[in-house]
Amino acid sequence: MWIGLAFAAPALILFVVFRVFASGAGLGLSLFSVGVDGSAIWVGLTNFVRLFADPVFWGSLGVTVLYTVLTVPLSIGASFLFALLVRGKFRGVGFFRSVFFLPTVTSLVVAATIFIWIFSVDGPVSGMLGTGSWLASPQLVVPALVIVSIWVRFGYGMLILLASLNEIPEEIEEAARLDGARWRHQVRWIILPHVRPAIFFLAITETAVSFQVFDLINVMTGGGPGRSSYALVMFLYDQGFRYFDFGYASAIGAVLFVIALAFALVQHLVIGREKK
């Protein structure tokens, strides 16, 4: 036991210092007005009152929720589909698994730069659909970001679901086929119940990542056009590191944490709870 604790101690210390303590410090900072010189004046809930009256906050929250609601189910759906495709034993399956996982380990800045051209007015998407630049359209910019996010992230979910799929006993599926069960019935009654814990894990992690989206938007759109892709973390970043309003930025972070936690609890009720 003590040997195990000794090995876990460095990771535990880092978690407490950079997660628990930092989160508590951020929450405490939201109750102060902090100057650039480090001076702090107690203001209580003033930052939160100001935040809920700020139209920029509600706009960025709407962008973040829309991005999350679109990205999470579509990303998990793509991961599940590709996991089913590369689950079997056929020639070249290892190659296809590597190709599908490759976007996950690709530099996000490189991927974003490529997709800036793809969605530009001279890119292939505009050429085929005649829609103009997606990143310059307030209606199409969020869907464009969602597509890039799915492309970058589905490979990770594919591996998680593939590992869960490979744990299903072959005898169960063989018996279902012998009984005349069609493929969609096997997916509904055998595969989905078995991989539900993995789907729940992906839903939680994907939601957390989606609510914290920053680098992709910062590279591709900078929050534009007209704040139509201005997410909450960009709002937090601007307040903290552009305007140096650290107390207000901490209040944004605290609200973001609560919202993400609420989404996780809803997902637990919908996906994570076992049927009795």
C-alpha atoms as a PDB file:
ATOM      1  CA  MET A   1       0.000   0.000   0.000  1.00  0.00           C
ATOM      2  CA  TRP A   2       2.714   2.461   1.012  1.00  0.00           C
ATOM      3  CA  ILE A   3       4.736   1.603  -2.092  1.00  0.00           C
ATOM      4  CA  GLY A   4       1.687   2.356  -4.238  1.00  0.00           C
ATOM      5  CA  LEU A   5       1.180   5.682  -2.463  1.00  0.00           C
ATOM      6  CA  ALA A   6       4.840   6.545  -2.975  1.00  0.00           C
ATOM      7  CA  PHE A   7       4.512   6.000  -6.729  1.00  0.00           C
ATOM      8  CA  ALA A   8       1.235   7.948  -6.856  1.00  0.00           C
ATOM      9  CA  ALA A   9       2.463  10.828  -4.671  1.00  0.00           C
ATOM     10  CA  PRO A  10       4.054  12.961  -7.450  1.00  0.00           C
ATOM     11  CA  ALA A  11       0.940  12.774  -9.632  1.00  0.00           C
ATOM     12  CA  LEU A  12      -1.295  13.422  -6.610  1.00  0.00           C
ATOM     13  CA  ILE A  13       0.739  16.458  -5.555  1.00  0.00           C
ATOM     14  CA  LEU A  14       0.619  17.898  -9.069  1.00  0.00           C
ATOM     15  CA  PHE A  15      -3.142  17.296  -9.223  1.00  0.00           C
ATOM     16  CA  VAL A  16      -3.746  19.027  -5.880  1.00  0.00           C
ATOM     17  CA  VAL A  17      -1.509  22.002  -6.696  1.00  0.00           C
ATOM     18  CA  PHE A  18      -2.485  22.615 -10.303  1.00  0.00           C
ATOM     19  CA  ARG A  19      -6.108  21.435 -10.214  1.00  0.00           C
ATOM     20  CA  VAL A  20      -7.660  21.596  -6.758  1.00  0.00           C
ATOM     21  CA  PHE A  21      -5.682  24.541  -5.373  1.00  0.00           C
ATOM     22  CA  ALA A  22      -5.733  26.459  -8.666  1.00  0.00           C
ATOM     23  CA  SER A  23      -9.488  25.989  -9.017  1.00  0.00           C
ATOM     24  CA  GLY A  24     -10.080  27.144  -5.437  1.00  0.00           C
ATOM     25  CA  ALA A  25      -7.804  30.146  -5.958  1.00  0.00           C
ATOM     26  CA  GLY A  26      -9.656  31.068  -9.140  1.00  0.00           C
ATOM     27  CA  LEU A  27     -12.999  30.890  -7.378  1.00  0.00           C
ATOM     28  CA  GLY A  28     -11.695  33.063  -4.560  1.00  0.00           C
ATOM     29  CA  LEU A  29     -10.250  35.548  -7.054  1.00  0.00           C
ATOM     30  CA  SER A  30     -13.691  35.995  -8.614  1.00  0.00           C
ATOM     31  CA  LEU A  31     -14.795  37.734  -5.412  1.00  0.00           C
ATOM     32  CA  PHE A  32     -12.144  40.461  -5.750  1.00  0.00           C
ATOM     33  CA  SER A  33     -11.288  43.291  -8.086  1.00  0.00           C
ATOM     34  CA  VAL A  34      -7.655  42.629  -8.916  1.00  0.00           C
ATOM     35  CA  GLY A  35      -5.366  45.270 -10.373  1.00  0.00           C
ATOM     36  CA  VAL A  36      -2.369  44.784 -12.635  1.00  0.00           C
ATOM     37  CA  ASP A  37      -0.107  45.575  -9.698  1.00  0.00           C
ATOM     38  CA  GLY A  38      -1.575  42.640  -7.739  1.00  0.00           C
ATOM     39  CA  SER A  39      -3.752  44.737  -5.430  1.00  0.00           C
ATOM     40  CA  ALA A  40      -7.066  43.079  -4.565  1.00  0.00           C
ATOM     41  CA  ILE A  41     -10.254  44.733  -3.315  1.00  0.00           C
ATOM     42  CA  TRP A  42     -13.125  42.639  -1.993  1.00  0.00           C
ATOM     43  CA  VAL A  43     -16.219  43.121  -4.168  1.00  0.00           C
ATOM     44  CA  GLY A  44     -18.262  40.028  -3.233  1.00  0.00           C
ATOM     45  CA  LEU A  45     -20.618  38.920  -5.994  1.00  0.00           C
ATOM     46  CA  THR A  46     -20.232  42.108  -8.017  1.00  0.00           C
ATOM     47  CA  ASN A  47     -18.293  40.335 -10.778  1.00  0.00           C
ATOM     48  CA  PHE A  48     -21.059  37.753 -11.155  1.00  0.00           C
ATOM     49  CA  VAL A  49     -23.789  40.411 -11.220  1.00  0.00           C
ATOM     50  CA  ARG A  50     -21.844  42.274 -13.875  1.00  0.00           C
ATOM     51  CA  LEU A  51     -21.313  39.040 -15.808  1.00  0.00           C
ATOM     52  CA  PHE A  52     -24.991  38.076 -15.948  1.00  0.00           C
ATOM     53  CA  ALA A  53     -25.834  41.585 -17.177  1.00  0.00           C
ATOM     54  CA  ASP A  54     -23.176  41.464 -19.900  1.00  0.00           C
ATOM     55  CA  PRO A  55     -24.638  40.722 -23.374  1.00  0.00           C
ATOM     56  CA  VAL A  56     -21.208  39.587 -24.587  1.00  0.00           C
ATOM     57  CA  PHE A  57     -21.291  36.813 -21.970  1.00  0.00           C
ATOM     58  CA  TRP A  58     -24.681  35.562 -23.144  1.00  0.00           C
ATOM     59  CA  GLY A  59     -23.577  35.690 -26.763  1.00  0.00           C
ATOM     60  CA  SER A  60     -20.383  33.752 -26.074  1.00  0.00           C
ATOM     61  CA  LEU A  61     -22.337  31.269 -23.954  1.00  0.00           C
ATOM     62  CA  GLY A  62     -24.746  30.693 -26.842  1.00  0.00           C
ATOM     63  CA  VAL A  63     -21.838  30.073 -29.232  1.00  0.00           C
ATOM     64  CA  THR A  64     -20.222  27.651 -26.777  1.00  0.00           C
ATOM     65  CA  VAL A  65     -23.426  25.692 -26.125  1.00  0.00           C
ATOM     66  CA  LEU A  66     -24.224  25.485 -29.842  1.00  0.00           C
ATOM     67  CA  TYR A  67     -20.702  24.306 -30.631  1.00  0.00           C
ATOM     68  CA  THR A  68     -20.861  21.700 -27.833  1.00  0.00           C
ATOM     69  CA  VAL A  69     -24.344  20.429 -28.697  1.00  0.00           C
ATOM     70  CA  LEU A  70     -23.282  19.905 -32.316  1.00  0.00           C
ATOM     71  CA  THR A  71     -19.768  18.585 -31.731  1.00  0.00           C
ATOM     72  CA  VAL A  72     -20.250  16.042 -28.937  1.00  0.00           C
ATOM     73  CA  PRO A  73     -22.950  13.757 -30.433  1.00  0.00           C
ATOM     74  CA  LEU A  74     -21.568  14.012 -33.975  1.00  0.00           C
ATOM     75  CA  SER A  75     -18.029  13.258 -32.806  1.00  0.00           C
ATOM     76  CA  ILE A  76     -19.159  10.245 -30.760  1.00  0.00           C
ATOM     77  CA  GLY A  77     -21.333   9.076 -33.651  1.00  0.00           C
ATOM     78  CA  ALA A  78     -18.396   9.292 -36.063  1.00  0.00           C
ATOM     79  CA  SER A  79     -16.166   7.480 -33.567  1.00  0.00           C
ATOM     80  CA  PHE A  80     -18.731   4.690 -33.185  1.00  0.00           C
ATOM     81  CA  LEU A  81     -19.190   4.325 -36.954  1.00  0.00           C
ATOM     82  CA  PHE A  82     -15.480   4.105 -37.696  1.00  0.00           C
ATOM     83  CA  ALA A  83     -14.935   1.745 -34.744  1.00  0.00           C
ATOM     84  CA  LEU A  84     -17.492  -0.610 -36.304  1.00  0.00           C
ATOM     85  CA  LEU A  85     -15.799  -0.294 -39.699  1.00  0.00           C
ATOM     86  CA  VAL A  86     -12.326  -1.248 -38.437  1.00  0.00           C
ATOM     87  CA  ARG A  87     -13.499  -3.771 -35.872  1.00  0.00           C
ATOM     88  CA  GLY A  88     -13.320  -6.786 -38.146  1.00  0.00           C
ATOM     89  CA  LYS A  89     -10.303  -8.829 -39.137  1.00  0.00           C
ATOM     90  CA  PHE A  90      -9.531  -8.117 -42.763  1.00  0.00           C
ATOM     91  CA  ARG A  91      -6.478  -7.350 -44.816  1.00  0.00           C
ATOM     92  CA  GLY A  92      -5.131  -3.865 -44.155  1.00  0.00           C
ATOM     93  CA  VAL A  93      -7.226  -3.217 -41.034  1.00  0.00           C
ATOM     94  CA  GLY A  94      -4.156  -1.930 -39.177  1.00  0.00           C
ATOM     95  CA  PHE A  95      -3.486   0.554 -41.965  1.00  0.00           C
ATOM     96  CA  PHE A  96      -7.044   1.898 -41.854  1.00  0.00           C
ATOM     97  CA  ARG A  97      -6.954   2.205 -38.068  1.00  0.00           C
ATOM     98  CA  SER A  98      -3.738   4.218 -38.321  1.00  0.00           C
ATOM     99  CA  VAL A  99      -5.139   6.473 -41.038  1.00  0.00           C
ATOM    100  CA  PHE A 100      -8.324   7.176 -39.084  1.00  0.00           C
ATOM    101  CA  PHE A 101      -6.343   7.904 -35.922  1.00  0.00           C
ATOM    102  CA  LEU A 102      -3.807  10.139 -37.691  1.00  0.00           C
ATOM    103  CA  PRO A 103      -5.840  13.401 -37.386  1.00  0.00           C
ATOM    104  CA  THR A 104      -5.807  13.030 -33.595  1.00  0.00           C
ATOM    105  CA  VAL A 105      -2.015  13.337 -33.457  1.00  0.00           C
ATOM    106  CA  THR A 106      -1.858  16.034 -36.130  1.00  0.00           C
ATOM    107  CA  SER A 107      -0.918  19.505 -34.939  1.00  0.00           C
ATOM    108  CA  LEU A 108      -4.110  21.482 -34.385  1.00  0.00           C
ATOM    109  CA  VAL A 109      -2.528  24.624 -35.816  1.00  0.00           C
ATOM    110  CA  VAL A 110      -1.568  22.751 -38.998  1.00  0.00           C
ATOM    111  CA  ALA A 111      -5.052  21.240 -39.301  1.00  0.00           C
ATOM    112  CA  ALA A 112      -6.693  24.622 -38.699  1.00  0.00           C
ATOM    113  CA  THR A 113      -4.493  26.264 -41.323  1.00  0.00           C
ATOM    114  CA  ILE A 114      -5.443  23.627 -43.899  1.00  0.00           C
ATOM    115  CA  PHE A 115      -9.149  23.979 -43.146  1.00  0.00           C
ATOM    116  CA  ILE A 116      -8.927  27.771 -43.407  1.00  0.00           C
ATOM    117  CA  TRP A 117      -8.105  27.210 -47.066  1.00  0.00           C
ATOM    118  CA  ILE A 118     -10.710  24.447 -47.455  1.00  0.00           C
ATOM    119  CA  PHE A 119     -13.490  26.731 -46.195  1.00  0.00           C
ATOM    120  CA  SER A 120     -12.188  29.873 -47.931  1.00  0.00           C
ATOM    121  CA  VAL A 121     -13.897  31.463 -50.907  1.00  0.00           C
ATOM    122  CA  ASP A 122     -11.314  29.808 -53.193  1.00  0.00           C
ATOM    123  CA  GLY A 123     -11.439  26.459 -51.408  1.00  0.00           C
ATOM    124  CA  PRO A 124     -13.021  23.194 -52.557  1.00  0.00           C
ATOM    125  CA  VAL A 125     -16.087  23.462 -50.302  1.00  0.00           C
ATOM    126  CA  SER A 126     -17.092  26.811 -51.762  1.00  0.00           C
ATOM    127  CA  GLY A 127     -16.288  25.551 -55.248  1.00  0.00           C
ATOM    128  CA  MET A 128     -18.594  22.546 -54.897  1.00  0.00           C
ATOM    129  CA  LEU A 129     -21.440  24.197 -52.993  1.00  0.00           C
ATOM    130  CA  GLY A 130     -21.124  27.796 -54.124  1.00  0.00           C
ATOM    131  CA  THR A 131     -21.532  29.085 -50.583  1.00  0.00           C
ATOM    132  CA  GLY A 132     -18.613  31.489 -50.378  1.00  0.00           C
ATOM    133  CA  SER A 133     -16.273  31.486 -47.409  1.00  0.00           C
ATOM    134  CA  TRP A 134     -17.773  29.556 -44.486  1.00  0.00           C
ATOM    135  CA  LEU A 135     -15.505  31.330 -42.005  1.00  0.00           C
ATOM    136  CA  ALA A 136     -16.821  34.713 -43.160  1.00  0.00           C
ATOM    137  CA  SER A 137     -20.468  33.673 -42.749  1.00  0.00           C
ATOM    138  CA  PRO A 138     -22.124  34.139 -39.329  1.00  0.00           C
ATOM    139  CA  GLN A 139     -24.441  31.211 -40.129  1.00  0.00           C
ATOM    140  CA  LEU A 140     -21.766  28.772 -41.364  1.00  0.00           C
ATOM    141  CA  VAL A 141     -18.749  29.564 -39.198  1.00  0.00           C
ATOM    142  CA  VAL A 142     -19.809  27.385 -36.233  1.00  0.00           C
ATOM    143  CA  PRO A 143     -20.669  24.366 -38.457  1.00  0.00           C
ATOM    144  CA  ALA A 144     -17.247  24.767 -40.086  1.00  0.00           C
ATOM    145  CA  LEU A 145     -15.557  24.691 -36.667  1.00  0.00           C
ATOM    146  CA  VAL A 146     -17.634  21.652 -35.709  1.00  0.00           C
ATOM    147  CA  ILE A 147     -16.492  19.777 -38.828  1.00  0.00           C
ATOM    148  CA  VAL A 148     -12.841  20.493 -38.053  1.00  0.00           C
ATOM    149  CA  SER A 149     -13.300  19.434 -34.423  1.00  0.00           C
ATOM    150  CA  ILE A 150     -14.893  16.147 -35.439  1.00  0.00           C
ATOM    151  CA  TRP A 151     -12.086  15.459 -37.917  1.00  0.00           C
ATOM    152  CA  VAL A 152      -9.439  16.115 -35.267  1.00  0.00           C
ATOM    153  CA  ARG A 153     -11.092  14.230 -32.402  1.00  0.00           C
ATOM    154  CA  PHE A 154     -13.000  11.218 -33.750  1.00  0.00           C
ATOM    155  CA  GLY A 155      -9.886   8.996 -33.905  1.00  0.00           C
ATOM    156  CA  TYR A 156      -9.436   9.095 -30.128  1.00  0.00           C
ATOM    157  CA  GLY A 157     -13.043   8.070 -29.530  1.00  0.00           C
ATOM    158  CA  MET A 158     -12.715   5.380 -32.189  1.00  0.00           C
ATOM    159  CA  LEU A 159      -9.904   3.698 -30.232  1.00  0.00           C
ATOM    160  CA  ILE A 160     -11.839   3.876 -26.956  1.00  0.00           C
ATOM    161  CA  LEU A 161     -14.946   2.335 -28.528  1.00  0.00           C
ATOM    162  CA  LEU A 162     -12.918  -0.207 -30.485  1.00  0.00           C
ATOM    163  CA  ALA A 163     -11.385  -1.492 -27.252  1.00  0.00           C
ATOM    164  CA  SER A 164     -14.874  -1.824 -25.777  1.00  0.00           C
ATOM    165  CA  LEU A 165     -16.207  -3.556 -28.903  1.00  0.00           C
ATOM    166  CA  ASN A 166     -13.400  -6.114 -28.816  1.00  0.00           C
ATOM    167  CA  GLU A 167     -14.503  -7.159 -25.324  1.00  0.00           C
ATOM    168  CA  ILE A 168     -17.882  -8.409 -26.567  1.00  0.00           C
ATOM    169  CA  PRO A 169     -17.823 -12.250 -26.541  1.00  0.00           C
ATOM    170  CA  GLU A 170     -18.020 -13.613 -30.068  1.00  0.00           C
ATOM    171  CA  GLU A 171     -20.370 -16.361 -28.855  1.00  0.00           C
ATOM    172  CA  ILE A 172     -23.107 -13.849 -28.054  1.00  0.00           C
ATOM    173  CA  GLU A 173     -23.047 -12.262 -31.497  1.00  0.00           C
ATOM    174  CA  GLU A 174     -22.790 -15.641 -33.202  1.00  0.00           C
ATOM    175  CA  ALA A 175     -25.814 -16.891 -31.279  1.00  0.00           C
ATOM    176  CA  ALA A 176     -27.750 -13.758 -32.278  1.00  0.00           C
ATOM    177  CA  ARG A 177     -26.888 -14.318 -35.956  1.00  0.00           C
ATOM    178  CA  LEU A 178     -27.974 -17.955 -35.760  1.00  0.00           C
ATOM    179  CA  ASP A 179     -31.281 -16.835 -34.245  1.00  0.00           C
ATOM    180  CA  GLY A 180     -31.850 -14.591 -37.253  1.00  0.00           C
ATOM    181  CA  ALA A 181     -31.077 -11.249 -35.622  1.00  0.00           C
ATOM    182  CA  ARG A 182     -30.340  -8.568 -38.204  1.00  0.00           C
ATOM    183  CA  TRP A 183     -27.329  -6.279 -37.939  1.00  0.00           C
ATOM    184  CA  ARG A 184     -29.343  -3.332 -36.636  1.00  0.00           C
ATOM    185  CA  HIS A 185     -30.850  -5.547 -33.920  1.00  0.00           C
ATOM    186  CA  GLN A 186     -27.370  -6.675 -32.871  1.00  0.00           C
ATOM    187  CA  VAL A 187     -26.273  -3.046 -32.646  1.00  0.00           C
ATOM    188  CA  ARG A 188     -29.361  -2.075 -30.637  1.00  0.00           C
ATOM    189  CA  TRP A 189     -29.494  -4.978 -28.189  1.00  0.00           C
ATOM    190  CA  ILE A 190     -25.908  -6.256 -27.953  1.00  0.00           C
ATOM    191  CA  ILE A 191     -23.349  -3.679 -29.054  1.00  0.00           C
ATOM    192  CA  LEU A 192     -24.807  -0.413 -27.700  1.00  0.00           C
ATOM    193  CA  PRO A 193     -25.531  -1.747 -24.172  1.00  0.00           C
ATOM    194  CA  HIS A 194     -21.998  -3.098 -23.974  1.00  0.00           C
ATOM    195  CA  VAL A 195     -20.263   0.094 -25.102  1.00  0.00           C
ATOM    196  CA  ARG A 196     -22.505   2.455 -23.107  1.00  0.00           C
ATOM    197  CA  PRO A 197     -19.876   3.014 -20.356  1.00  0.00           C
ATOM    198  CA  ALA A 198     -17.350   3.979 -23.043  1.00  0.00           C
ATOM    199  CA  ILE A 199     -19.885   6.306 -24.678  1.00  0.00           C
ATOM    200  CA  PHE A 200     -20.558   7.909 -21.292  1.00  0.00           C
ATOM    201  CA  PHE A 201     -16.825   8.437 -20.761  1.00  0.00           C
ATOM    202  CA  LEU A 202     -16.492  10.023 -24.198  1.00  0.00           C
ATOM    203  CA  ALA A 203     -19.544  12.224 -23.615  1.00  0.00           C
ATOM    204  CA  ILE A 204     -18.011  13.630 -20.422  1.00  0.00           C
ATOM    205  CA  THR A 205     -14.548  14.193 -21.870  1.00  0.00           C
ATOM    206  CA  GLU A 206     -15.811  15.567 -25.188  1.00  0.00           C
ATOM    207  CA  THR A 207     -18.133  17.981 -23.399  1.00  0.00           C
ATOM    208  CA  ALA A 208     -15.302  19.242 -21.193  1.00  0.00           C
ATOM    209  CA  VAL A 209     -13.051  19.737 -24.228  1.00  0.00           C
ATOM    210  CA  SER A 210     -15.812  21.463 -26.213  1.00  0.00           C
ATOM    211  CA  PHE A 211     -16.605  23.940 -23.449  1.00  0.00           C
ATOM    212  CA  GLN A 212     -12.917  24.835 -23.256  1.00  0.00           C
ATOM    213  CA  VAL A 213     -12.420  25.307 -27.004  1.00  0.00           C
ATOM    214  CA  PHE A 214     -10.014  28.135 -27.674  1.00  0.00           C
ATOM    215  CA  ASP A 215      -7.019  27.314 -29.877  1.00  0.00           C
ATOM    216  CA  LEU A 216      -9.078  26.134 -32.848  1.00  0.00           C
ATOM    217  CA  ILE A 217     -11.261  29.245 -32.846  1.00  0.00           C
ATOM    218  CA  ASN A 218      -8.330  31.538 -32.144  1.00  0.00           C
ATOM    219  CA  VAL A 219      -6.423  30.244 -35.173  1.00  0.00           C
ATOM    220  CA  MET A 220      -9.316  29.903 -37.624  1.00  0.00           C
ATOM    221  CA  THR A 221     -11.614  32.863 -36.884  1.00  0.00           C
ATOM    222  CA  GLY A 222     -10.387  34.876 -33.895  1.00  0.00           C
ATOM    223  CA  GLY A 223     -13.995  34.861 -32.690  1.00  0.00           C
ATOM    224  CA  GLY A 224     -15.418  36.421 -35.850  1.00  0.00           C
ATOM    225  CA  PRO A 225     -17.128  37.358 -37.946  1.00  0.00           C
ATOM    226  CA  GLY A 226     -18.859  39.775 -35.593  1.00  0.00           C
ATOM    227  CA  ARG A 227     -18.412  37.521 -32.529  1.00  0.00           C
ATOM    228  CA  SER A 228     -20.426  34.748 -34.201  1.00  0.00           C
ATOM    229  CA  SER A 229     -17.723  32.261 -33.102  1.00  0.00           C
ATOM    230  CA  TYR A 230     -16.687  34.084 -29.927  1.00  0.00           C
ATOM    231  CA  ALA A 231     -16.666  31.272 -27.337  1.00  0.00           C
ATOM    232  CA  LEU A 232     -16.589  31.594 -23.545  1.00  0.00           C
ATOM    233  CA  VAL A 233     -12.906  30.776 -23.155  1.00  0.00           C
ATOM    234  CA  MET A 234     -12.031  33.479 -25.681  1.00  0.00           C
ATOM    235  CA  PHE A 235     -14.132  35.885 -23.631  1.00  0.00           C
ATOM    236  CA  LEU A 236     -12.267  34.748 -20.505  1.00  0.00           C
ATOM    237  CA  TYR A 237      -8.902  35.115 -22.224  1.00  0.00           C
ATOM    238  CA  ASP A 238      -9.633  38.640 -23.435  1.00  0.00           C
ATOM    239  CA  GLN A 239     -10.823  39.803 -20.032  1.00  0.00           C
ATOM    240  CA  GLY A 240      -7.870  38.288 -18.204  1.00  0.00           C
ATOM    241  CA  PHE A 241      -4.936  38.770 -20.568  1.00  0.00           C
ATOM    242  CA  ARG A 242      -5.985  41.622 -22.825  1.00  0.00           C
ATOM    243  CA  TYR A 243      -7.836  43.862 -20.352  1.00  0.00           C
ATOM    244  CA  PHE A 244      -6.178  42.442 -17.189  1.00  0.00           C
ATOM    245  CA  ASP A 245      -9.503  42.209 -15.363  1.00  0.00           C
ATOM    246  CA  PHE A 246      -8.512  39.088 -13.456  1.00  0.00           C
ATOM    247  CA  GLY A 247     -11.437  39.071 -11.031  1.00  0.00           C
ATOM    248  CA  TYR A 248     -13.972  39.273 -13.852  1.00  0.00           C
ATOM    249  CA  ALA A 249     -12.107  36.580 -15.831  1.00  0.00           C
ATOM    250  CA  SER A 250     -12.163  34.327 -12.755  1.00  0.00           C
ATOM    251  CA  ALA A 251     -15.926  34.811 -12.476  1.00  0.00           C
ATOM    252  CA  ILE A 252     -16.265  33.695 -16.112  1.00  0.00           C
ATOM    253  CA  GLY A 253     -14.190  30.608 -15.336  1.00  0.00           C
ATOM    254  CA  ALA A 254     -16.307  29.773 -12.285  1.00  0.00           C
ATOM    255  CA  VAL A 255     -19.546  30.021 -14.272  1.00  0.00           C
ATOM    256  CA  LEU A 256     -18.024  27.958 -17.075  1.00  0.00           C
ATOM    257  CA  PHE A 257     -17.131  25.239 -14.577  1.00  0.00           C
ATOM    258  CA  VAL A 258     -20.665  25.140 -13.166  1.00  0.00           C
ATOM    259  CA  ILE A 259     -22.234  24.936 -16.629  1.00  0.00           C
ATOM    260  CA  ALA A 260     -19.907  22.133 -17.720  1.00  0.00           C
ATOM    261  CA  LEU A 261     -20.638  20.271 -14.470  1.00  0.00           C
ATOM    262  CA  ALA A 262     -24.382  20.634 -15.068  1.00  0.00           C
ATOM    263  CA  PHE A 263     -23.990  19.163 -18.559  1.00  0.00           C
ATOM    264  CA  ALA A 264     -22.002  16.256 -17.098  1.00  0.00           C
ATOM    265  CA  LEU A 265     -24.752  15.535 -14.550  1.00  0.00           C
ATOM    266  CA  VAL A 266     -27.388  15.533 -17.277  1.00  0.00           C
ATOM    267  CA  GLN A 267     -25.282  13.128 -19.319  1.00  0.00           C
ATOM    268  CA  HIS A 268     -24.955  10.884 -16.276  1.00  0.00           C
ATOM    269  CA  LEU A 269     -28.724  10.742 -15.926  1.00  0.00           C
ATOM    270  CA  VAL A 270     -29.286  10.098 -19.635  1.00  0.00           C
ATOM    271  CA  ILE A 271     -26.342   7.818 -20.501  1.00  0.00           C
ATOM    272  CA  GLY A 272     -24.353   6.807 -17.466  1.00  0.00           C
ATOM    273  CA  ARG A 273     -27.006   5.406 -15.166  1.00  0.00           C
ATOM    274  CA  GLU A 274     -27.449   1.677 -15.489  1.00  0.00           C
ATOM    275  CA  LYS A 275     -30.898   0.342 -16.202  1.00  0.00           C
ATOM    276  CA  LYS A 276     -32.409  -1.627 -13.384  1.00  0.00           C
END
